[in-house]
Amino acid sequence: MRTLKSVKTGETVKVKKIAGAGALKRRIMDMGITKGVEIFIRKVAPLGDPIEVTVRGYELSLRKEDADIIEVE
């Protein structure tokens, strides 16, 4: 299982599954991250948190703990 947290800068991946539940999963889905969507990793902060990504044409920052529940391929 590969998560968004482990993806390197400059890579584009496709969301396979969101593993969380309840409010956290709903918040991630409300940001436009749903099954099948492509995510481009723009950059990672010097200490690794947050991760800046491009989803559906807009830029978004995610915490590492949120990125860890997003399974990608």
Protein backbone atom coordinates (compact mmCIF):
# COMPACT_ATOMS: atom_id res chain seq x y z
CA MET A 1 0.00 0.00 0.00
CA ARG A 2 1.40 3.37 -1.07
CA THR A 3 0.07 6.56 0.48
CA LEU A 4 0.21 10.18 -0.67
CA LYS A 5 2.64 10.87 2.18
CA SER A 6 5.32 8.67 0.52
CA VAL A 7 5.07 10.24 -2.97
CA LYS A 8 8.06 12.31 -4.14
CA THR A 9 7.95 15.91 -5.41
CA GLY A 10 7.13 16.16 -9.12
CA GLU A 11 5.17 12.90 -9.29
CA THR A 12 1.57 12.57 -10.41
CA VAL A 13 -0.50 9.83 -8.81
CA LYS A 14 -4.11 8.63 -8.91
CA VAL A 15 -6.22 8.23 -5.76
CA LYS A 16 -7.14 4.60 -5.16
CA LYS A 17 -8.90 4.87 -1.79
CA ILE A 18 -9.39 7.17 1.20
CA ALA A 19 -8.89 5.07 4.33
CA GLY A 20 -10.21 7.46 6.99
CA ALA A 21 -13.71 7.64 8.37
CA GLY A 22 -16.19 10.24 9.55
CA ALA A 23 -15.38 13.95 9.56
CA LEU A 24 -11.77 13.59 8.38
CA LYS A 25 -12.74 11.56 5.30
CA ARG A 26 -15.58 13.98 4.53
CA ARG A 27 -13.23 17.00 4.81
CA ILE A 28 -10.72 15.43 2.40
CA MET A 29 -13.49 14.58 -0.07
CA ASP A 30 -14.87 18.13 0.21
CA MET A 31 -11.44 19.41 -0.90
CA GLY A 32 -11.91 17.52 -4.17
CA ILE A 33 -9.79 14.47 -3.37
CA THR A 34 -11.95 11.53 -4.40
CA LYS A 35 -11.32 8.07 -5.86
CA GLY A 36 -9.81 8.24 -9.35
CA VAL A 37 -8.67 11.89 -9.25
CA GLU A 38 -5.07 12.71 -10.20
CA ILE A 39 -2.85 14.55 -7.72
CA PHE A 40 0.43 16.28 -8.64
CA ILE A 41 2.92 16.79 -5.79
CA ARG A 42 4.17 20.37 -6.20
CA LYS A 43 6.47 20.67 -3.21
CA VAL A 44 7.08 19.53 0.34
CA ALA A 45 7.96 21.93 3.17
CA PRO A 46 11.56 21.72 4.48
CA LEU A 47 10.51 19.75 7.57
CA GLY A 48 8.11 17.60 5.53
CA ASP A 49 4.85 19.14 6.69
CA PRO A 50 2.70 20.34 4.88
CA ILE A 51 2.68 18.88 1.38
CA GLU A 52 1.56 21.19 -1.45
CA VAL A 53 -0.41 19.44 -4.21
CA THR A 54 -2.42 20.32 -7.31
CA VAL A 55 -5.88 18.71 -7.47
CA ARG A 56 -8.50 19.41 -10.14
CA GLY A 57 -6.63 22.54 -11.27
CA TYR A 58 -6.18 24.22 -7.89
CA GLU A 59 -3.44 24.18 -5.27
CA LEU A 60 -3.95 22.64 -1.87
CA SER A 61 -1.81 22.08 1.22
CA LEU A 62 -2.22 18.86 3.19
CA ARG A 63 -0.83 17.81 6.53
CA LYS A 64 1.26 14.65 6.54
CA GLU A 65 -1.23 12.86 8.77
CA ASP A 66 -4.05 13.62 6.30
CA ALA A 67 -1.90 12.54 3.33
CA ASP A 68 -1.17 9.25 5.10
CA ILE A 69 -4.80 8.05 4.81
CA ILE A 70 -4.96 8.69 1.05
CA GLU A 71 -4.00 5.49 -0.80
CA VAL A 72 -2.58 6.10 -4.29
CA GLU A 73 -1.34 4.14 -7.31
